[in-house]
Amino acid sequence: MDGPGRQYLQKMAGPGSNAAVLDRLLYETFLDPEARRRFAELFKEIEGLYEVLSPSAECAITSRPTTGSPTSTSCSATLTGPESCGQAL
């Protein structure tokens, strides 16, 4: 991940237990109101991207391997997406 999210990942990758990582994030980063606001904006942006990129279970595209060798990479896709959940493309 590049951009503003990298700083949070770097702090999480530091030494210590989960509690130490949490302490580091809370006390070194989120005590500042401006830092909390920036994180909240980043989180909302990531959440919005996730909502756009991850389909609901009803609109998921599933695939089944075709008959043949177990190492075959081809598959036969079954669309259970927009047609089945009433959404137009």
C-alpha atoms as a PDB file:
ATOM      1  CA  MET A   1       0.000   0.000   0.000  1.00  0.00           C
ATOM      2  CA  ASP A   2       1.267   3.411  -0.915  1.00  0.00           C
ATOM      3  CA  GLY A   3       0.083   6.807   0.179  1.00  0.00           C
ATOM      4  CA  PRO A   4      -1.264   7.791   3.574  1.00  0.00           C
ATOM      5  CA  GLY A   5      -2.078   4.225   4.653  1.00  0.00           C
ATOM      6  CA  ARG A   6       1.582   3.200   4.592  1.00  0.00           C
ATOM      7  CA  GLN A   7       2.361   5.036   7.840  1.00  0.00           C
ATOM      8  CA  TYR A   8      -0.211   2.977   9.751  1.00  0.00           C
ATOM      9  CA  LEU A   9       1.062  -0.290   8.303  1.00  0.00           C
ATOM     10  CA  GLN A  10       4.627   0.619   9.233  1.00  0.00           C
ATOM     11  CA  LYS A  11       3.638   1.331  12.820  1.00  0.00           C
ATOM     12  CA  MET A  12       1.797  -1.992  13.008  1.00  0.00           C
ATOM     13  CA  ALA A  13       4.857  -3.853  11.717  1.00  0.00           C
ATOM     14  CA  GLY A  14       7.039  -2.636  14.568  1.00  0.00           C
ATOM     15  CA  PRO A  15       8.317  -4.753  17.439  1.00  0.00           C
ATOM     16  CA  GLY A  16       6.214  -5.956  20.309  1.00  0.00           C
ATOM     17  CA  SER A  17       3.012  -7.771  21.055  1.00  0.00           C
ATOM     18  CA  ASN A  18      -0.422  -6.784  19.813  1.00  0.00           C
ATOM     19  CA  ALA A  19      -0.883  -4.719  22.972  1.00  0.00           C
ATOM     20  CA  ALA A  20       2.396  -2.864  22.318  1.00  0.00           C
ATOM     21  CA  VAL A  21       1.362  -2.155  18.738  1.00  0.00           C
ATOM     22  CA  LEU A  22      -2.019  -0.878  19.907  1.00  0.00           C
ATOM     23  CA  ASP A  23      -0.362   1.335  22.535  1.00  0.00           C
ATOM     24  CA  ARG A  24       2.006   2.714  19.908  1.00  0.00           C
ATOM     25  CA  LEU A  25      -0.855   3.542  17.549  1.00  0.00           C
ATOM     26  CA  LEU A  26      -3.029   5.054  20.252  1.00  0.00           C
ATOM     27  CA  TYR A  27      -0.475   7.094  22.143  1.00  0.00           C
ATOM     28  CA  GLU A  28       1.903   8.067  19.346  1.00  0.00           C
ATOM     29  CA  THR A  29      -0.660   8.662  16.634  1.00  0.00           C
ATOM     30  CA  PHE A  30      -4.242   9.102  17.698  1.00  0.00           C
ATOM     31  CA  LEU A  31      -3.924  11.488  20.643  1.00  0.00           C
ATOM     32  CA  ASP A  32      -3.698  14.325  18.150  1.00  0.00           C
ATOM     33  CA  PRO A  33      -7.217  15.293  16.973  1.00  0.00           C
ATOM     34  CA  GLU A  34      -5.936  16.149  13.482  1.00  0.00           C
ATOM     35  CA  ALA A  35      -4.293  12.705  13.164  1.00  0.00           C
ATOM     36  CA  ARG A  36      -7.562  11.033  14.218  1.00  0.00           C
ATOM     37  CA  ARG A  37      -9.469  13.056  11.628  1.00  0.00           C
ATOM     38  CA  ARG A  38      -7.011  12.090   8.862  1.00  0.00           C
ATOM     39  CA  PHE A  39      -7.284   8.415   9.834  1.00  0.00           C
ATOM     40  CA  ALA A  40     -11.093   8.584   9.882  1.00  0.00           C
ATOM     41  CA  GLU A  41     -11.079  10.107   6.373  1.00  0.00           C
ATOM     42  CA  LEU A  42      -8.697   7.403   5.125  1.00  0.00           C
ATOM     43  CA  PHE A  43     -10.823   4.689   6.718  1.00  0.00           C
ATOM     44  CA  LYS A  44     -14.005   6.033   5.095  1.00  0.00           C
ATOM     45  CA  GLU A  45     -12.259   6.146   1.713  1.00  0.00           C
ATOM     46  CA  ILE A  46     -11.052   2.536   2.060  1.00  0.00           C
ATOM     47  CA  GLU A  47     -14.486   1.446   3.281  1.00  0.00           C
ATOM     48  CA  GLY A  48     -16.116   3.081   0.262  1.00  0.00           C
ATOM     49  CA  LEU A  49     -13.691   1.383  -2.126  1.00  0.00           C
ATOM     50  CA  TYR A  50     -14.371  -1.962  -0.463  1.00  0.00           C
ATOM     51  CA  GLU A  51     -18.119  -1.496  -0.874  1.00  0.00           C
ATOM     52  CA  VAL A  52     -17.671  -0.764  -4.583  1.00  0.00           C
ATOM     53  CA  LEU A  53     -15.202  -3.564  -5.269  1.00  0.00           C
ATOM     54  CA  SER A  54     -16.739  -6.363  -3.208  1.00  0.00           C
ATOM     55  CA  PRO A  55     -20.016  -7.678  -4.535  1.00  0.00           C
ATOM     56  CA  SER A  56     -22.748  -8.878  -2.253  1.00  0.00           C
ATOM     57  CA  ALA A  57     -23.163 -12.631  -1.886  1.00  0.00           C
ATOM     58  CA  GLU A  58     -26.259 -12.551  -4.087  1.00  0.00           C
ATOM     59  CA  CYS A  59     -24.358 -10.892  -6.933  1.00  0.00           C
ATOM     60  CA  ALA A  60     -21.126 -12.901  -6.748  1.00  0.00           C
ATOM     61  CA  ILE A  61     -19.622 -14.587  -9.767  1.00  0.00           C
ATOM     62  CA  THR A  62     -18.774 -18.187  -8.992  1.00  0.00           C
ATOM     63  CA  SER A  63     -16.682 -20.548 -11.079  1.00  0.00           C
ATOM     64  CA  ARG A  64     -16.339 -24.293 -11.349  1.00  0.00           C
ATOM     65  CA  PRO A  65     -13.344 -26.143 -12.759  1.00  0.00           C
ATOM     66  CA  THR A  66     -13.957 -27.814 -16.087  1.00  0.00           C
ATOM     67  CA  THR A  67     -13.588 -31.535 -16.432  1.00  0.00           C
ATOM     68  CA  GLY A  68     -10.087 -32.661 -17.204  1.00  0.00           C
ATOM     69  CA  SER A  69      -6.824 -32.842 -15.394  1.00  0.00           C
ATOM     70  CA  PRO A  70      -6.676 -31.609 -11.798  1.00  0.00           C
ATOM     71  CA  THR A  71      -4.049 -29.078 -12.840  1.00  0.00           C
ATOM     72  CA  SER A  72      -6.245 -27.542 -15.535  1.00  0.00           C
ATOM     73  CA  THR A  73      -6.435 -23.780 -15.208  1.00  0.00           C
ATOM     74  CA  SER A  74      -9.509 -23.292 -17.367  1.00  0.00           C
ATOM     75  CA  CYS A  75     -12.871 -22.970 -15.709  1.00  0.00           C
ATOM     76  CA  SER A  76     -16.514 -22.611 -16.580  1.00  0.00           C
ATOM     77  CA  ALA A  77     -17.913 -19.463 -14.969  1.00  0.00           C
ATOM     78  CA  THR A  78     -21.485 -19.450 -13.780  1.00  0.00           C
ATOM     79  CA  LEU A  79     -22.971 -16.006 -13.518  1.00  0.00           C
ATOM     80  CA  THR A  80     -25.179 -15.570 -10.507  1.00  0.00           C
ATOM     81  CA  GLY A  81     -24.745 -11.828 -10.642  1.00  0.00           C
ATOM     82  CA  PRO A  82     -26.802  -8.905 -11.910  1.00  0.00           C
ATOM     83  CA  GLU A  83     -29.321 -11.031 -13.774  1.00  0.00           C
ATOM     84  CA  SER A  84     -30.178 -13.062 -10.696  1.00  0.00           C
ATOM     85  CA  CYS A  85     -30.315 -10.181  -8.234  1.00  0.00           C
ATOM     86  CA  GLY A  86     -32.212  -7.752 -10.445  1.00  0.00           C
ATOM     87  CA  GLN A  87     -29.423  -5.259 -11.088  1.00  0.00           C
ATOM     88  CA  ALA A  88     -28.784  -3.831 -14.528  1.00  0.00           C
ATOM     89  CA  LEU A  89     -25.259  -3.575 -15.859  1.00  0.00           C
END
